[in-house]
Amino acid sequence: METNNAYLNSFEQFIKELTGFSESPQTLEIPSTPTIRASQCWKLFVDARKKGELSETTKDLAISTIANAIGLASEVASVYLEKGVTLEEQAIELYNSFASKNYIKNEVIFRSPELSGTPDIIDEESEEVIDIKTSFSFESHLKNIIQAQNEVKREYYYQLQAYMLLTGKRAAKLIYVLLPTPDDILQRQARALEFKGNSYDEVLEGLKKQNSLIEKLPISLRVKEFQVVADNEFKTNFFERYEKFKEYYQTLIEIIKN
């Protein structure tokens, strides 16, 4: 794309050229009330080094929330994320086998002005939300479950607290599952690893051999569940932090418009 000095000196024209929007930045419909995704909620709870200020992580959340509202959010892509998304249904099936349940994927997006989220499973009988995380490898699976024995990852803890706030449930479960990696992801892994001395075919064969061993592991190892209870202080703490976050978010909107 060619840009001249006039465009560089005019933020309005630059945005038009970059995004294809017919509107100027002044008329972009950016909500005055930011809605945070449950998976990003943890960023609100990162403390700044100096008391009373927002952390850089929280500030970045404001920027990404605006970018998402405009339709310019950066897409984060990785084989780790791809495996989890691709195997959502299989992960639920594996958990059903482990827990003797018949759960199906929840498709309802729960929303409030401040939060939105889609828990993987909602158990109306036990009044709990369930979220399933697919480990990428056997080693990462072990690390995940060892850590969760002591404390659930901060990112997942706050995600589940957000889900409970949105749904009105008072209990949640975090489930780690281990499934074989899809072939197309294995092939890309092999391409990335072949530079270490072995040929692509040799690397791929080794990855497939490791992959085949996963289904031979006992299900009690491949599926681990961890209980998370509702934090009675979460709602109060969330809204205290949210108001400061909202002020910064609205300041950014003014910068964009001016």
C-alpha atoms as a PDB file:
ATOM      1  CA  MET A   1       0.000   0.000   0.000  1.00  0.00           C
ATOM      2  CA  GLU A   2       1.354   3.392  -0.949  1.00  0.00           C
ATOM      3  CA  THR A   3       1.018   6.173   1.572  1.00  0.00           C
ATOM      4  CA  ASN A   4       1.956   9.772   0.981  1.00  0.00           C
ATOM      5  CA  ASN A   5       2.642  12.567   3.421  1.00  0.00           C
ATOM      6  CA  ALA A   6      -0.968  13.676   3.345  1.00  0.00           C
ATOM      7  CA  TYR A   7      -2.089  10.287   4.534  1.00  0.00           C
ATOM      8  CA  LEU A   8       0.578  10.109   7.200  1.00  0.00           C
ATOM      9  CA  ASN A   9      -0.489  13.531   8.448  1.00  0.00           C
ATOM     10  CA  SER A  10      -4.125  12.559   8.495  1.00  0.00           C
ATOM     11  CA  PHE A  11      -4.984   9.769  10.896  1.00  0.00           C
ATOM     12  CA  GLU A  12      -8.495   9.716   9.478  1.00  0.00           C
ATOM     13  CA  GLN A  13      -7.340   8.982   5.953  1.00  0.00           C
ATOM     14  CA  PHE A  14      -4.775   6.467   7.168  1.00  0.00           C
ATOM     15  CA  ILE A  15      -7.472   4.457   8.953  1.00  0.00           C
ATOM     16  CA  LYS A  16      -9.663   4.552   5.851  1.00  0.00           C
ATOM     17  CA  GLU A  17      -6.837   3.243   3.672  1.00  0.00           C
ATOM     18  CA  LEU A  18      -5.783   0.606   6.179  1.00  0.00           C
ATOM     19  CA  THR A  19      -9.190  -0.829   7.010  1.00  0.00           C
ATOM     20  CA  GLY A  20     -11.387   0.023   4.073  1.00  0.00           C
ATOM     21  CA  PHE A  21     -13.859   1.749   6.403  1.00  0.00           C
ATOM     22  CA  SER A  22     -15.929   4.483   4.805  1.00  0.00           C
ATOM     23  CA  GLU A  23     -16.385   6.131   8.194  1.00  0.00           C
ATOM     24  CA  SER A  24     -13.830   8.400   9.787  1.00  0.00           C
ATOM     25  CA  PRO A  25     -12.394   7.461  13.193  1.00  0.00           C
ATOM     26  CA  GLN A  26     -14.743  10.032  14.774  1.00  0.00           C
ATOM     27  CA  THR A  27     -17.743   8.006  13.612  1.00  0.00           C
ATOM     28  CA  LEU A  28     -16.393   4.539  14.329  1.00  0.00           C
ATOM     29  CA  GLU A  29     -18.781   2.819  16.679  1.00  0.00           C
ATOM     30  CA  ILE A  30     -16.541   1.990  19.620  1.00  0.00           C
ATOM     31  CA  PRO A  31     -18.660   1.059  22.656  1.00  0.00           C
ATOM     32  CA  SER A  32     -18.192   3.430  25.581  1.00  0.00           C
ATOM     33  CA  THR A  33     -18.531   0.448  27.905  1.00  0.00           C
ATOM     34  CA  PRO A  34     -15.831  -2.165  27.234  1.00  0.00           C
ATOM     35  CA  THR A  35     -16.788  -5.828  27.280  1.00  0.00           C
ATOM     36  CA  ILE A  36     -14.017  -8.150  28.461  1.00  0.00           C
ATOM     37  CA  ARG A  37     -13.876 -11.756  27.336  1.00  0.00           C
ATOM     38  CA  ALA A  38     -13.787 -14.220  30.229  1.00  0.00           C
ATOM     39  CA  SER A  39     -10.554 -15.735  28.891  1.00  0.00           C
ATOM     40  CA  GLN A  40      -8.924 -12.293  29.179  1.00  0.00           C
ATOM     41  CA  CYS A  41     -10.311 -11.483  32.611  1.00  0.00           C
ATOM     42  CA  TRP A  42      -7.057 -12.385  34.374  1.00  0.00           C
ATOM     43  CA  LYS A  43      -5.385  -9.363  32.789  1.00  0.00           C
ATOM     44  CA  LEU A  44      -7.586  -7.142  34.920  1.00  0.00           C
ATOM     45  CA  PHE A  45      -6.074  -8.695  38.056  1.00  0.00           C
ATOM     46  CA  VAL A  46      -2.416  -8.072  37.292  1.00  0.00           C
ATOM     47  CA  ASP A  47      -1.187  -5.450  39.758  1.00  0.00           C
ATOM     48  CA  ALA A  48       0.999  -2.561  38.697  1.00  0.00           C
ATOM     49  CA  ARG A  49       4.340  -2.050  40.400  1.00  0.00           C
ATOM     50  CA  LYS A  50       3.113   1.301  41.692  1.00  0.00           C
ATOM     51  CA  LYS A  51      -0.020   1.223  43.821  1.00  0.00           C
ATOM     52  CA  GLY A  52      -3.007   2.993  42.339  1.00  0.00           C
ATOM     53  CA  GLU A  53      -1.877   2.639  38.722  1.00  0.00           C
ATOM     54  CA  LEU A  54      -2.892   0.187  36.027  1.00  0.00           C
ATOM     55  CA  SER A  55      -0.450  -2.534  35.063  1.00  0.00           C
ATOM     56  CA  GLU A  56       0.902  -2.650  31.532  1.00  0.00           C
ATOM     57  CA  THR A  57      -0.977  -5.924  31.105  1.00  0.00           C
ATOM     58  CA  THR A  58      -4.267  -4.222  31.970  1.00  0.00           C
ATOM     59  CA  LYS A  59      -3.460  -1.324  29.637  1.00  0.00           C
ATOM     60  CA  ASP A  60      -2.767  -3.796  26.835  1.00  0.00           C
ATOM     61  CA  LEU A  61      -6.174  -5.328  27.541  1.00  0.00           C
ATOM     62  CA  ALA A  62      -7.784  -1.936  26.914  1.00  0.00           C
ATOM     63  CA  ILE A  63      -5.959  -1.615  23.595  1.00  0.00           C
ATOM     64  CA  SER A  64      -6.939  -5.110  22.439  1.00  0.00           C
ATOM     65  CA  THR A  65     -10.549  -4.534  23.525  1.00  0.00           C
ATOM     66  CA  ILE A  66     -10.751  -1.432  21.329  1.00  0.00           C
ATOM     67  CA  ALA A  67      -9.061  -3.244  18.443  1.00  0.00           C
ATOM     68  CA  ASN A  68     -11.575  -6.067  18.781  1.00  0.00           C
ATOM     69  CA  ALA A  69     -14.497  -3.602  18.793  1.00  0.00           C
ATOM     70  CA  ILE A  70     -13.223  -1.985  15.584  1.00  0.00           C
ATOM     71  CA  GLY A  71     -12.531  -5.346  13.957  1.00  0.00           C
ATOM     72  CA  LEU A  72      -8.747  -4.987  13.937  1.00  0.00           C
ATOM     73  CA  ALA A  73      -7.776  -7.333  16.731  1.00  0.00           C
ATOM     74  CA  SER A  74      -4.540  -9.238  16.187  1.00  0.00           C
ATOM     75  CA  GLU A  75      -5.118 -12.912  15.576  1.00  0.00           C
ATOM     76  CA  VAL A  76      -2.999 -15.137  17.797  1.00  0.00           C
ATOM     77  CA  ALA A  77      -2.270 -18.417  16.042  1.00  0.00           C
ATOM     78  CA  SER A  78      -0.278 -21.362  17.342  1.00  0.00           C
ATOM     79  CA  VAL A  79      -0.329 -25.117  17.034  1.00  0.00           C
ATOM     80  CA  TYR A  80      -1.142 -25.281  20.754  1.00  0.00           C
ATOM     81  CA  LEU A  81      -4.288 -23.213  20.347  1.00  0.00           C
ATOM     82  CA  GLU A  82      -5.175 -24.938  17.091  1.00  0.00           C
ATOM     83  CA  LYS A  83      -5.040 -28.377  18.683  1.00  0.00           C
ATOM     84  CA  GLY A  84      -7.369 -27.296  21.475  1.00  0.00           C
ATOM     85  CA  VAL A  85      -9.920 -25.754  19.110  1.00  0.00           C
ATOM     86  CA  THR A  86      -9.771 -28.629  16.620  1.00  0.00           C
ATOM     87  CA  LEU A  87     -10.283 -31.290  19.281  1.00  0.00           C
ATOM     88  CA  GLU A  88     -13.041 -29.619  21.324  1.00  0.00           C
ATOM     89  CA  GLU A  89     -15.630 -32.298  20.581  1.00  0.00           C
ATOM     90  CA  GLN A  90     -13.190 -35.170  21.100  1.00  0.00           C
ATOM     91  CA  ALA A  91     -12.103 -33.630  24.412  1.00  0.00           C
ATOM     92  CA  ILE A  92     -15.701 -33.571  25.635  1.00  0.00           C
ATOM     93  CA  GLU A  93     -16.190 -37.166  24.454  1.00  0.00           C
ATOM     94  CA  LEU A  94     -13.100 -38.271  26.367  1.00  0.00           C
ATOM     95  CA  TYR A  95     -14.276 -36.482  29.494  1.00  0.00           C
ATOM     96  CA  ASN A  96     -17.707 -38.093  29.123  1.00  0.00           C
ATOM     97  CA  SER A  97     -16.052 -41.518  29.067  1.00  0.00           C
ATOM     98  CA  PHE A  98     -14.022 -40.633  32.143  1.00  0.00           C
ATOM     99  CA  ALA A  99     -16.908 -39.137  34.158  1.00  0.00           C
ATOM    100  CA  SER A 100     -19.697 -41.394  32.805  1.00  0.00           C
ATOM    101  CA  LYS A 101     -21.585 -38.358  31.556  1.00  0.00           C
ATOM    102  CA  ASN A 102     -23.291 -37.336  28.352  1.00  0.00           C
ATOM    103  CA  TYR A 103     -22.275 -33.698  28.113  1.00  0.00           C
ATOM    104  CA  ILE A 104     -22.557 -31.707  24.907  1.00  0.00           C
ATOM    105  CA  LYS A 105     -20.724 -28.543  23.928  1.00  0.00           C
ATOM    106  CA  ASN A 106     -22.373 -25.370  25.202  1.00  0.00           C
ATOM    107  CA  GLU A 107     -22.922 -22.894  22.366  1.00  0.00           C
ATOM    108  CA  VAL A 108     -24.563 -20.125  24.395  1.00  0.00           C
ATOM    109  CA  ILE A 109     -22.553 -16.918  24.743  1.00  0.00           C
ATOM    110  CA  PHE A 110     -23.277 -15.354  28.120  1.00  0.00           C
ATOM    111  CA  ARG A 111     -23.063 -11.583  28.152  1.00  0.00           C
ATOM    112  CA  SER A 112     -23.219  -8.658  30.480  1.00  0.00           C
ATOM    113  CA  PRO A 113     -22.168  -5.086  29.683  1.00  0.00           C
ATOM    114  CA  GLU A 114     -18.778  -5.840  31.252  1.00  0.00           C
ATOM    115  CA  LEU A 115     -18.137  -9.518  30.474  1.00  0.00           C
ATOM    116  CA  SER A 116     -18.794 -12.192  27.876  1.00  0.00           C
ATOM    117  CA  GLY A 117     -17.911 -15.851  27.732  1.00  0.00           C
ATOM    118  CA  THR A 118     -18.867 -19.324  26.535  1.00  0.00           C
ATOM    119  CA  PRO A 119     -18.140 -22.112  29.027  1.00  0.00           C
ATOM    120  CA  ASP A 120     -17.489 -25.467  27.373  1.00  0.00           C
ATOM    121  CA  ILE A 121     -20.095 -27.245  29.496  1.00  0.00           C
ATOM    122  CA  ILE A 122     -22.843 -26.190  31.879  1.00  0.00           C
ATOM    123  CA  ASP A 123     -24.076 -28.887  34.258  1.00  0.00           C
ATOM    124  CA  GLU A 124     -27.507 -27.774  35.426  1.00  0.00           C
ATOM    125  CA  GLU A 125     -27.839 -30.747  37.764  1.00  0.00           C
ATOM    126  CA  SER A 126     -24.688 -30.015  39.750  1.00  0.00           C
ATOM    127  CA  GLU A 127     -24.963 -26.243  39.167  1.00  0.00           C
ATOM    128  CA  GLU A 128     -21.434 -25.900  37.852  1.00  0.00           C
ATOM    129  CA  VAL A 129     -19.563 -24.700  34.793  1.00  0.00           C
ATOM    130  CA  ILE A 130     -16.881 -26.877  33.239  1.00  0.00           C
ATOM    131  CA  ASP A 131     -14.024 -25.811  31.024  1.00  0.00           C
ATOM    132  CA  ILE A 132     -11.763 -28.261  29.227  1.00  0.00           C
ATOM    133  CA  LYS A 133      -8.152 -27.584  28.282  1.00  0.00           C
ATOM    134  CA  THR A 134      -6.404 -29.912  25.831  1.00  0.00           C
ATOM    135  CA  SER A 135      -2.736 -30.391  26.665  1.00  0.00           C
ATOM    136  CA  PHE A 136      -0.441 -30.237  23.665  1.00  0.00           C
ATOM    137  CA  SER A 137       1.943 -33.000  24.685  1.00  0.00           C
ATOM    138  CA  PHE A 138       2.477 -35.591  27.407  1.00  0.00           C
ATOM    139  CA  GLU A 139       5.105 -33.383  29.041  1.00  0.00           C
ATOM    140  CA  SER A 140       2.889 -30.284  29.053  1.00  0.00           C
ATOM    141  CA  HIS A 141       0.022 -32.426  30.375  1.00  0.00           C
ATOM    142  CA  LEU A 142       2.107 -33.546  33.336  1.00  0.00           C
ATOM    143  CA  LYS A 143       3.213 -29.979  34.022  1.00  0.00           C
ATOM    144  CA  ASN A 144      -0.389 -28.786  33.887  1.00  0.00           C
ATOM    145  CA  ILE A 145      -1.726 -31.321  36.339  1.00  0.00           C
ATOM    146  CA  ILE A 146       1.240 -31.023  38.723  1.00  0.00           C
ATOM    147  CA  GLN A 147       0.785 -27.253  38.890  1.00  0.00           C
ATOM    148  CA  ALA A 148      -2.972 -27.563  39.355  1.00  0.00           C
ATOM    149  CA  GLN A 149      -2.436 -29.867  42.339  1.00  0.00           C
ATOM    150  CA  ASN A 150      -1.222 -26.785  44.209  1.00  0.00           C
ATOM    151  CA  GLU A 151      -2.920 -23.908  42.416  1.00  0.00           C
ATOM    152  CA  VAL A 152      -4.929 -23.541  39.227  1.00  0.00           C
ATOM    153  CA  LYS A 153      -3.253 -21.292  36.654  1.00  0.00           C
ATOM    154  CA  ARG A 154      -4.185 -17.674  37.203  1.00  0.00           C
ATOM    155  CA  GLU A 155      -5.530 -17.334  33.649  1.00  0.00           C
ATOM    156  CA  TYR A 156      -7.907 -20.259  34.095  1.00  0.00           C
ATOM    157  CA  TYR A 157      -8.873 -19.370  37.663  1.00  0.00           C
ATOM    158  CA  TYR A 158     -10.160 -15.947  36.648  1.00  0.00           C
ATOM    159  CA  GLN A 159     -11.750 -17.320  33.494  1.00  0.00           C
ATOM    160  CA  LEU A 160     -13.790 -19.716  35.613  1.00  0.00           C
ATOM    161  CA  GLN A 161     -14.652 -16.989  38.133  1.00  0.00           C
ATOM    162  CA  ALA A 162     -15.924 -14.897  35.218  1.00  0.00           C
ATOM    163  CA  TYR A 163     -17.983 -17.823  33.934  1.00  0.00           C
ATOM    164  CA  MET A 164     -19.542 -18.314  37.354  1.00  0.00           C
ATOM    165  CA  LEU A 165     -20.370 -14.617  37.601  1.00  0.00           C
ATOM    166  CA  LEU A 166     -21.980 -14.673  34.139  1.00  0.00           C
ATOM    167  CA  THR A 167     -23.994 -17.857  34.690  1.00  0.00           C
ATOM    168  CA  GLY A 168     -24.830 -17.490  38.370  1.00  0.00           C
ATOM    169  CA  LYS A 169     -23.227 -20.847  39.185  1.00  0.00           C
ATOM    170  CA  ARG A 170     -21.272 -21.289  42.399  1.00  0.00           C
ATOM    171  CA  ALA A 171     -18.906 -24.080  41.371  1.00  0.00           C
ATOM    172  CA  ALA A 172     -16.637 -24.867  38.432  1.00  0.00           C
ATOM    173  CA  LYS A 173     -14.316 -27.549  37.161  1.00  0.00           C
ATOM    174  CA  LEU A 174     -11.134 -27.214  35.158  1.00  0.00           C
ATOM    175  CA  ILE A 175     -10.441 -30.338  33.120  1.00  0.00           C
ATOM    176  CA  TYR A 176      -7.127 -31.194  31.514  1.00  0.00           C
ATOM    177  CA  VAL A 177      -7.255 -33.829  28.779  1.00  0.00           C
ATOM    178  CA  LEU A 178      -4.562 -35.431  26.627  1.00  0.00           C
ATOM    179  CA  LEU A 179      -5.451 -36.438  23.073  1.00  0.00           C
ATOM    180  CA  PRO A 180      -3.379 -37.489  20.050  1.00  0.00           C
ATOM    181  CA  THR A 181      -2.311 -34.541  17.900  1.00  0.00           C
ATOM    182  CA  PRO A 182      -3.990 -34.284  14.458  1.00  0.00           C
ATOM    183  CA  ASP A 183      -1.813 -35.380  11.528  1.00  0.00           C
ATOM    184  CA  ASP A 184      -1.670 -31.970   9.868  1.00  0.00           C
ATOM    185  CA  ILE A 185      -0.216 -30.428  13.023  1.00  0.00           C
ATOM    186  CA  LEU A 186       2.305 -33.289  13.304  1.00  0.00           C
ATOM    187  CA  GLN A 187       3.392 -32.621   9.738  1.00  0.00           C
ATOM    188  CA  ARG A 188       4.044 -28.959  10.488  1.00  0.00           C
ATOM    189  CA  GLN A 189       5.958 -29.950  13.609  1.00  0.00           C
ATOM    190  CA  ALA A 190       8.106 -32.280  11.531  1.00  0.00           C
ATOM    191  CA  ARG A 191       8.894 -29.481   9.074  1.00  0.00           C
ATOM    192  CA  ALA A 192       9.928 -27.242  11.959  1.00  0.00           C
ATOM    193  CA  LEU A 193      12.157 -29.913  13.526  1.00  0.00           C
ATOM    194  CA  GLU A 194      13.835 -31.433  10.467  1.00  0.00           C
ATOM    195  CA  PHE A 195      16.600 -28.806  10.488  1.00  0.00           C
ATOM    196  CA  LYS A 196      18.051 -30.481  13.594  1.00  0.00           C
ATOM    197  CA  GLY A 197      19.683 -33.192  11.519  1.00  0.00           C
ATOM    198  CA  ASN A 198      17.035 -35.782  10.773  1.00  0.00           C
ATOM    199  CA  SER A 199      14.990 -35.879   7.588  1.00  0.00           C
ATOM    200  CA  TYR A 200      11.351 -34.807   7.499  1.00  0.00           C
ATOM    201  CA  ASP A 201      10.168 -38.424   7.137  1.00  0.00           C
ATOM    202  CA  GLU A 202      12.280 -39.576  10.089  1.00  0.00           C
ATOM    203  CA  VAL A 203      11.019 -36.760  12.314  1.00  0.00           C
ATOM    204  CA  LEU A 204       7.406 -37.345  11.297  1.00  0.00           C
ATOM    205  CA  GLU A 205       7.698 -41.078  11.928  1.00  0.00           C
ATOM    206  CA  GLY A 206       9.023 -40.383  15.436  1.00  0.00           C
ATOM    207  CA  LEU A 207       6.236 -37.914  16.178  1.00  0.00           C
ATOM    208  CA  LYS A 208       3.588 -40.351  14.972  1.00  0.00           C
ATOM    209  CA  LYS A 209       5.050 -43.109  17.124  1.00  0.00           C
ATOM    210  CA  GLN A 210       4.875 -40.890  20.203  1.00  0.00           C
ATOM    211  CA  ASN A 211       1.380 -39.814  19.217  1.00  0.00           C
ATOM    212  CA  SER A 212       0.156 -43.411  19.006  1.00  0.00           C
ATOM    213  CA  LEU A 213       1.232 -44.069  22.593  1.00  0.00           C
ATOM    214  CA  ILE A 214      -1.166 -41.468  23.987  1.00  0.00           C
ATOM    215  CA  GLU A 215      -4.287 -43.579  23.450  1.00  0.00           C
ATOM    216  CA  LYS A 216      -2.602 -46.480  25.276  1.00  0.00           C
ATOM    217  CA  LEU A 217      -2.278 -44.442  28.469  1.00  0.00           C
ATOM    218  CA  PRO A 218      -4.896 -45.042  31.192  1.00  0.00           C
ATOM    219  CA  ILE A 219      -7.807 -42.627  30.983  1.00  0.00           C
ATOM    220  CA  SER A 220      -7.233 -41.721  34.627  1.00  0.00           C
ATOM    221  CA  LEU A 221      -3.957 -40.136  33.509  1.00  0.00           C
ATOM    222  CA  ARG A 222      -5.273 -38.607  30.311  1.00  0.00           C
ATOM    223  CA  VAL A 223      -8.106 -36.825  32.126  1.00  0.00           C
ATOM    224  CA  LYS A 224      -7.653 -34.822  35.301  1.00  0.00           C
ATOM    225  CA  GLU A 225     -10.260 -32.583  36.908  1.00  0.00           C
ATOM    226  CA  PHE A 226      -9.824 -29.781  39.418  1.00  0.00           C
ATOM    227  CA  GLN A 227     -12.541 -28.073  41.410  1.00  0.00           C
ATOM    228  CA  VAL A 228     -12.753 -24.291  41.589  1.00  0.00           C
ATOM    229  CA  VAL A 229     -15.237 -22.684  43.965  1.00  0.00           C
ATOM    230  CA  ALA A 230     -16.764 -19.257  43.541  1.00  0.00           C
ATOM    231  CA  ASP A 231     -14.784 -16.504  45.237  1.00  0.00           C
ATOM    232  CA  ASN A 232     -17.205 -14.407  47.273  1.00  0.00           C
ATOM    233  CA  GLU A 233     -14.969 -11.353  46.787  1.00  0.00           C
ATOM    234  CA  PHE A 234     -14.554 -11.773  43.043  1.00  0.00           C
ATOM    235  CA  LYS A 235     -17.537  -9.673  41.990  1.00  0.00           C
ATOM    236  CA  THR A 236     -16.534  -6.741  44.201  1.00  0.00           C
ATOM    237  CA  ASN A 237     -12.885  -6.935  43.180  1.00  0.00           C
ATOM    238  CA  PHE A 238     -13.794  -7.282  39.522  1.00  0.00           C
ATOM    239  CA  PHE A 239     -15.920  -4.149  39.426  1.00  0.00           C
ATOM    240  CA  GLU A 240     -13.393  -2.110  41.410  1.00  0.00           C
ATOM    241  CA  ARG A 241     -10.712  -2.963  38.878  1.00  0.00           C
ATOM    242  CA  TYR A 242     -13.111  -2.708  35.955  1.00  0.00           C
ATOM    243  CA  GLU A 243     -14.000   0.926  36.728  1.00  0.00           C
ATOM    244  CA  LYS A 244     -10.339   1.978  36.612  1.00  0.00           C
ATOM    245  CA  PHE A 245      -9.868  -0.068  33.460  1.00  0.00           C
ATOM    246  CA  LYS A 246     -12.936   1.586  31.911  1.00  0.00           C
ATOM    247  CA  GLU A 247     -11.553   5.061  32.627  1.00  0.00           C
ATOM    248  CA  TYR A 248      -8.326   4.220  30.815  1.00  0.00           C
ATOM    249  CA  TYR A 249     -10.265   2.597  27.959  1.00  0.00           C
ATOM    250  CA  GLN A 250     -12.353   5.756  27.502  1.00  0.00           C
ATOM    251  CA  THR A 251      -9.207   7.882  27.568  1.00  0.00           C
ATOM    252  CA  LEU A 252      -7.874   5.824  24.661  1.00  0.00           C
ATOM    253  CA  ILE A 253     -11.105   6.370  22.739  1.00  0.00           C
ATOM    254  CA  GLU A 254     -10.658  10.130  23.124  1.00  0.00           C
ATOM    255  CA  ILE A 255      -7.098   9.844  21.812  1.00  0.00           C
ATOM    256  CA  ILE A 256      -8.356   7.923  18.764  1.00  0.00           C
ATOM    257  CA  LYS A 257     -11.077  10.467  18.048  1.00  0.00           C
ATOM    258  CA  ASN A 258      -8.771  13.425  18.374  1.00  0.00           C
END
